[in-house]
Amino acid sequence: MPRSNRPRRNASSARSGNTGGKWTVPTPELDLERARGGIARRESAPDGDWIVRTMTAKKAEKQYICPGCSTAILPGIAHLVVWSDNHLFGQAAGLAERRHWHTNCWASRTYRYR
């Protein structure tokens, strides 16, 4: 028996009562810029636990001073926003003391052992 050339319906949409038509509606495109920059990640290092969030060039609107190299991070340059995960006065205090780092400066920072 020859195969049909018509596309098949998605079985889950047929069962769920999708009234959008006979065939499934295509899903909207994923915004990669938003997906890459919106999620903070945890990093553990000898100098403590840190929350690191990527700031994309599109969203970088202000000028900051990088604590790693003491030079300016100009608007429109991608960088990292970093704050302490285990601050002495809690997470809100750690977030209030966040710093903006160049990506290279954060990756190549030296750890201070006391």
N, C-alpha and C. Protein backbone atom coordinates (compact mmCIF):
# COMPACT_ATOMS: atom_id res chain seq x y z
N MET A 1 0.84 -1.17 0.00
CA MET A 1 0.00 0.00 0.00
C MET A 1 0.89 1.24 0.00
N PRO A 2 0.64 2.22 -0.88
CA PRO A 2 1.47 3.42 -0.94
C PRO A 2 1.22 4.32 0.27
N ARG A 3 2.31 5.07 0.64
CA ARG A 3 2.21 6.00 1.76
C ARG A 3 1.50 7.28 1.34
N SER A 4 0.83 7.88 2.27
CA SER A 4 0.19 9.16 2.02
C SER A 4 1.22 10.28 2.15
N ASN A 5 1.13 11.30 1.31
CA ASN A 5 2.05 12.42 1.37
C ASN A 5 1.58 13.54 2.28
N ARG A 6 0.42 13.36 2.88
CA ARG A 6 -0.07 14.39 3.78
C ARG A 6 0.64 14.30 5.12
N PRO A 7 0.96 15.45 5.74
CA PRO A 7 1.59 15.41 7.06
C PRO A 7 0.62 14.89 8.10
N ARG A 8 1.16 14.21 9.08
CA ARG A 8 0.32 13.66 10.14
C ARG A 8 0.02 14.72 11.20
N ARG A 9 -1.12 14.55 11.83
CA ARG A 9 -1.48 15.43 12.93
C ARG A 9 -0.72 15.00 14.17
N ASN A 10 -0.45 15.97 15.02
CA ASN A 10 0.17 15.67 16.30
C ASN A 10 -0.88 15.00 17.18
N ALA A 11 -0.59 13.82 17.68
CA ALA A 11 -1.57 13.05 18.45
C ALA A 11 -1.97 13.76 19.73
N SER A 12 -1.05 14.47 20.37
CA SER A 12 -1.38 15.13 21.63
C SER A 12 -2.34 16.29 21.42
N SER A 13 -2.21 17.03 20.30
CA SER A 13 -3.11 18.15 20.07
C SER A 13 -4.50 17.66 19.70
N ALA A 14 -4.60 16.49 19.07
CA ALA A 14 -5.90 15.96 18.70
C ALA A 14 -6.66 15.53 19.95
N ARG A 15 -5.93 15.00 20.94
CA ARG A 15 -6.57 14.54 22.17
C ARG A 15 -6.92 15.70 23.10
N SER A 16 -6.10 16.77 23.08
CA SER A 16 -6.31 17.85 24.05
C SER A 16 -7.43 18.79 23.64
N GLY A 17 -8.00 18.60 22.47
CA GLY A 17 -9.10 19.45 22.05
C GLY A 17 -8.62 20.76 21.45
N ASN A 18 -7.48 20.74 20.78
CA ASN A 18 -6.95 21.94 20.15
C ASN A 18 -7.90 22.36 19.04
N THR A 19 -8.48 23.55 19.15
CA THR A 19 -9.44 24.01 18.16
C THR A 19 -8.81 24.98 17.18
N GLY A 20 -7.50 24.98 17.07
CA GLY A 20 -6.81 25.90 16.18
C GLY A 20 -6.88 25.50 14.73
N GLY A 21 -7.52 24.45 14.41
CA GLY A 21 -7.62 24.00 13.03
C GLY A 21 -7.28 22.52 12.96
N LYS A 22 -7.25 22.03 11.73
CA LYS A 22 -6.99 20.61 11.56
C LYS A 22 -5.55 20.25 11.89
N TRP A 23 -4.61 21.13 11.51
CA TRP A 23 -3.19 20.86 11.74
C TRP A 23 -2.67 21.72 12.88
N THR A 24 -1.60 21.30 13.47
CA THR A 24 -1.05 22.04 14.61
C THR A 24 -0.45 23.37 14.16
N VAL A 25 -0.49 24.34 15.03
CA VAL A 25 0.05 25.67 14.77
C VAL A 25 1.55 25.65 15.11
N PRO A 26 2.42 26.20 14.26
CA PRO A 26 3.85 26.19 14.57
C PRO A 26 4.15 27.03 15.82
N THR A 27 5.13 26.59 16.58
CA THR A 27 5.51 27.30 17.80
C THR A 27 6.33 28.53 17.45
N PRO A 28 6.24 29.59 18.26
CA PRO A 28 7.02 30.80 17.97
C PRO A 28 8.52 30.54 18.15
N GLU A 29 9.33 31.35 17.47
CA GLU A 29 10.78 31.19 17.55
C GLU A 29 11.28 31.55 18.94
N LEU A 30 12.34 30.88 19.36
CA LEU A 30 12.96 31.13 20.64
C LEU A 30 13.87 32.35 20.54
N ASP A 31 13.76 33.28 21.50
CA ASP A 31 14.61 34.46 21.53
C ASP A 31 15.92 34.06 22.21
N LEU A 32 16.95 33.75 21.42
CA LEU A 32 18.22 33.27 21.96
C LEU A 32 18.91 34.32 22.82
N GLU A 33 18.80 35.58 22.47
CA GLU A 33 19.45 36.65 23.24
C GLU A 33 18.88 36.67 24.66
N ARG A 34 17.59 36.53 24.78
CA ARG A 34 16.95 36.54 26.09
C ARG A 34 17.26 35.26 26.86
N ALA A 35 17.30 34.15 26.16
CA ALA A 35 17.57 32.87 26.82
C ALA A 35 19.00 32.80 27.35
N ARG A 36 19.96 33.37 26.65
CA ARG A 36 21.35 33.32 27.10
C ARG A 36 21.61 34.24 28.28
N GLY A 37 20.97 35.38 28.31
CA GLY A 37 21.30 36.38 29.30
C GLY A 37 20.45 36.39 30.55
N GLY A 38 19.35 35.69 30.57
CA GLY A 38 18.43 35.82 31.68
C GLY A 38 18.67 34.92 32.87
N ILE A 39 19.48 33.91 32.74
CA ILE A 39 19.59 32.92 33.81
C ILE A 39 20.91 33.10 34.56
N ALA A 40 20.80 33.22 35.86
CA ALA A 40 22.00 33.32 36.70
C ALA A 40 22.47 31.91 37.04
N ARG A 41 23.78 31.75 37.14
CA ARG A 41 24.35 30.45 37.49
C ARG A 41 25.20 30.59 38.73
N ARG A 42 25.40 29.48 39.42
CA ARG A 42 26.24 29.47 40.62
C ARG A 42 27.63 29.00 40.26
N GLU A 43 28.62 29.66 40.86
CA GLU A 43 30.01 29.24 40.69
C GLU A 43 30.65 29.15 42.06
N SER A 44 31.37 28.05 42.28
CA SER A 44 32.12 27.88 43.52
C SER A 44 33.60 28.03 43.20
N ALA A 45 34.30 28.77 44.04
CA ALA A 45 35.72 29.01 43.86
C ALA A 45 36.36 29.07 45.25
N PRO A 46 37.68 29.06 45.31
CA PRO A 46 38.34 29.18 46.62
C PRO A 46 37.99 30.47 47.37
N ASP A 47 37.56 31.50 46.65
CA ASP A 47 37.22 32.75 47.32
C ASP A 47 35.74 32.85 47.68
N GLY A 48 34.97 31.79 47.50
CA GLY A 48 33.58 31.77 47.92
C GLY A 48 32.65 31.26 46.84
N ASP A 49 31.35 31.31 47.16
CA ASP A 49 30.31 30.91 46.21
C ASP A 49 29.72 32.18 45.61
N TRP A 50 29.53 32.17 44.29
CA TRP A 50 29.10 33.36 43.59
C TRP A 50 27.92 33.05 42.69
N ILE A 51 27.07 34.05 42.50
CA ILE A 51 26.01 34.01 41.51
C ILE A 51 26.50 34.88 40.35
N VAL A 52 26.50 34.32 39.14
CA VAL A 52 27.04 35.02 37.97
C VAL A 52 25.94 35.10 36.91
N ARG A 53 25.69 36.30 36.44
CA ARG A 53 24.69 36.51 35.38
C ARG A 53 25.36 37.21 34.21
N THR A 54 25.10 36.74 33.01
CA THR A 54 25.66 37.34 31.80
C THR A 54 24.83 38.54 31.39
N MET A 55 25.51 39.65 31.16
CA MET A 55 24.85 40.86 30.67
C MET A 55 25.24 41.00 29.20
N THR A 56 24.26 40.90 28.32
CA THR A 56 24.54 40.95 26.89
C THR A 56 24.85 42.39 26.47
N ALA A 57 25.48 42.53 25.32
CA ALA A 57 25.84 43.85 24.82
C ALA A 57 24.59 44.69 24.56
N LYS A 58 23.53 44.04 24.17
CA LYS A 58 22.28 44.75 23.88
C LYS A 58 21.67 45.37 25.14
N LYS A 59 21.83 44.70 26.27
CA LYS A 59 21.23 45.17 27.52
C LYS A 59 22.17 46.03 28.36
N ALA A 60 23.45 46.10 27.99
CA ALA A 60 24.42 46.90 28.75
C ALA A 60 24.23 48.37 28.38
N GLU A 61 23.60 49.13 29.27
CA GLU A 61 23.25 50.51 28.96
C GLU A 61 24.02 51.54 29.78
N LYS A 62 24.69 51.12 30.84
CA LYS A 62 25.40 52.06 31.70
C LYS A 62 26.89 51.74 31.74
N GLN A 63 27.66 52.67 32.26
CA GLN A 63 29.10 52.46 32.39
C GLN A 63 29.41 52.01 33.81
N TYR A 64 30.28 51.01 33.93
CA TYR A 64 30.69 50.48 35.22
C TYR A 64 32.21 50.39 35.26
N ILE A 65 32.77 50.25 36.46
CA ILE A 65 34.21 50.04 36.64
C ILE A 65 34.41 48.59 37.04
N CYS A 66 35.24 47.88 36.29
CA CYS A 66 35.53 46.47 36.56
C CYS A 66 36.48 46.39 37.76
N PRO A 67 36.15 45.63 38.80
CA PRO A 67 37.06 45.51 39.95
C PRO A 67 38.31 44.69 39.64
N GLY A 68 38.31 43.95 38.55
CA GLY A 68 39.47 43.14 38.21
C GLY A 68 40.60 43.94 37.60
N CYS A 69 40.27 44.89 36.72
CA CYS A 69 41.30 45.65 36.02
C CYS A 69 41.18 47.15 36.26
N SER A 70 40.17 47.58 36.98
CA SER A 70 39.93 49.00 37.32
C SER A 70 39.77 49.89 36.09
N THR A 71 39.27 49.33 35.00
CA THR A 71 38.95 50.13 33.82
C THR A 71 37.46 50.10 33.58
N ALA A 72 37.00 50.99 32.73
CA ALA A 72 35.56 51.14 32.49
C ALA A 72 35.02 50.03 31.60
N ILE A 73 33.82 49.61 31.93
CA ILE A 73 33.03 48.75 31.05
C ILE A 73 32.03 49.68 30.39
N LEU A 74 32.25 49.96 29.14
CA LEU A 74 31.44 50.94 28.43
C LEU A 74 30.08 50.36 28.04
N PRO A 75 29.08 51.22 27.83
CA PRO A 75 27.78 50.73 27.37
C PRO A 75 27.91 50.01 26.03
N GLY A 76 27.19 48.91 25.89
CA GLY A 76 27.23 48.14 24.66
C GLY A 76 28.29 47.05 24.65
N ILE A 77 28.95 46.82 25.79
CA ILE A 77 29.96 45.76 25.89
C ILE A 77 29.41 44.66 26.80
N ALA A 78 29.42 43.43 26.31
CA ALA A 78 28.94 42.30 27.11
C ALA A 78 29.87 42.09 28.30
N HIS A 79 29.30 41.78 29.45
CA HIS A 79 30.08 41.56 30.66
C HIS A 79 29.30 40.68 31.62
N LEU A 80 29.82 40.48 32.83
CA LEU A 80 29.18 39.65 33.84
C LEU A 80 28.77 40.49 35.04
N VAL A 81 27.66 40.14 35.65
CA VAL A 81 27.24 40.74 36.91
C VAL A 81 27.40 39.64 37.95
N VAL A 82 28.17 39.94 39.01
CA VAL A 82 28.55 38.92 39.99
C VAL A 82 28.22 39.42 41.39
N TRP A 83 27.63 38.53 42.21
CA TRP A 83 27.42 38.85 43.62
C TRP A 83 27.59 37.60 44.46
N SER A 84 27.82 37.83 45.75
CA SER A 84 28.12 36.74 46.67
C SER A 84 26.86 35.95 47.00
N ASP A 85 27.00 34.64 47.00
CA ASP A 85 25.88 33.77 47.33
C ASP A 85 25.74 33.57 48.83
N ASN A 86 26.85 33.65 49.55
CA ASN A 86 26.81 33.42 51.00
C ASN A 86 27.34 34.64 51.73
N HIS A 87 26.65 35.77 51.55
CA HIS A 87 27.03 37.03 52.20
C HIS A 87 26.73 36.94 53.69
N LEU A 88 27.53 37.63 54.48
CA LEU A 88 27.38 37.60 55.94
C LEU A 88 26.00 38.09 56.39
N PHE A 89 25.44 39.07 55.68
CA PHE A 89 24.15 39.65 56.07
C PHE A 89 22.99 39.17 55.22
N GLY A 90 23.17 38.08 54.49
CA GLY A 90 22.09 37.48 53.73
C GLY A 90 22.19 37.74 52.24
N GLN A 91 21.29 37.10 51.52
CA GLN A 91 21.31 37.18 50.06
C GLN A 91 20.97 38.57 49.54
N ALA A 92 20.08 39.29 50.24
CA ALA A 92 19.72 40.63 49.78
C ALA A 92 20.92 41.57 49.86
N ALA A 93 21.74 41.43 50.90
CA ALA A 93 22.94 42.26 51.03
C ALA A 93 23.97 41.89 49.96
N GLY A 94 24.08 40.60 49.65
CA GLY A 94 24.98 40.18 48.59
C GLY A 94 24.56 40.74 47.24
N LEU A 95 23.26 40.74 46.98
CA LEU A 95 22.74 41.29 45.73
C LEU A 95 22.97 42.79 45.66
N ALA A 96 22.84 43.48 46.79
CA ALA A 96 23.06 44.93 46.82
C ALA A 96 24.52 45.28 46.54
N GLU A 97 25.44 44.38 46.84
CA GLU A 97 26.87 44.62 46.62
C GLU A 97 27.39 43.96 45.35
N ARG A 98 26.53 43.76 44.37
CA ARG A 98 26.95 43.12 43.13
C ARG A 98 27.93 44.02 42.38
N ARG A 99 28.78 43.38 41.59
CA ARG A 99 29.78 44.09 40.80
C ARG A 99 29.74 43.62 39.36
N HIS A 100 30.11 44.52 38.46
CA HIS A 100 30.15 44.22 37.03
C HIS A 100 31.60 43.98 36.63
N TRP A 101 31.86 42.81 36.03
CA TRP A 101 33.20 42.39 35.66
C TRP A 101 33.28 42.18 34.15
N HIS A 102 34.47 42.45 33.58
CA HIS A 102 34.74 41.97 32.23
C HIS A 102 34.76 40.45 32.30
N THR A 103 34.33 39.78 31.26
CA THR A 103 34.30 38.33 31.25
C THR A 103 35.69 37.74 31.43
N ASN A 104 36.68 38.32 30.77
CA ASN A 104 38.06 37.84 30.90
C ASN A 104 38.62 38.09 32.30
N CYS A 105 38.32 39.24 32.87
CA CYS A 105 38.82 39.56 34.22
C CYS A 105 38.25 38.57 35.25
N TRP A 106 36.99 38.21 35.11
CA TRP A 106 36.38 37.27 36.04
C TRP A 106 37.00 35.89 35.90
N ALA A 107 37.25 35.47 34.67
CA ALA A 107 37.81 34.15 34.42
C ALA A 107 39.26 34.05 34.88
N SER A 108 40.00 35.16 34.83
CA SER A 108 41.42 35.10 35.17
C SER A 108 41.74 35.78 36.51
N ARG A 109 40.74 35.97 37.36
CA ARG A 109 41.01 36.62 38.64
C ARG A 109 41.89 35.74 39.52
N THR A 110 42.60 36.36 40.41
CA THR A 110 43.45 35.60 41.33
C THR A 110 42.70 35.44 42.63
N TYR A 111 42.85 34.30 43.23
CA TYR A 111 42.19 34.01 44.49
C TYR A 111 43.12 34.39 45.63
N ARG A 112 42.59 35.05 46.62
CA ARG A 112 43.41 35.50 47.76
C ARG A 112 43.17 34.54 48.93
N TYR A 113 44.23 33.89 49.33
CA TYR A 113 44.13 32.99 50.49
C TYR A 113 44.60 33.76 51.71
N ARG A 114 43.85 33.64 52.79
CA ARG A 114 44.23 34.36 54.02
C ARG A 114 44.64 33.38 55.07
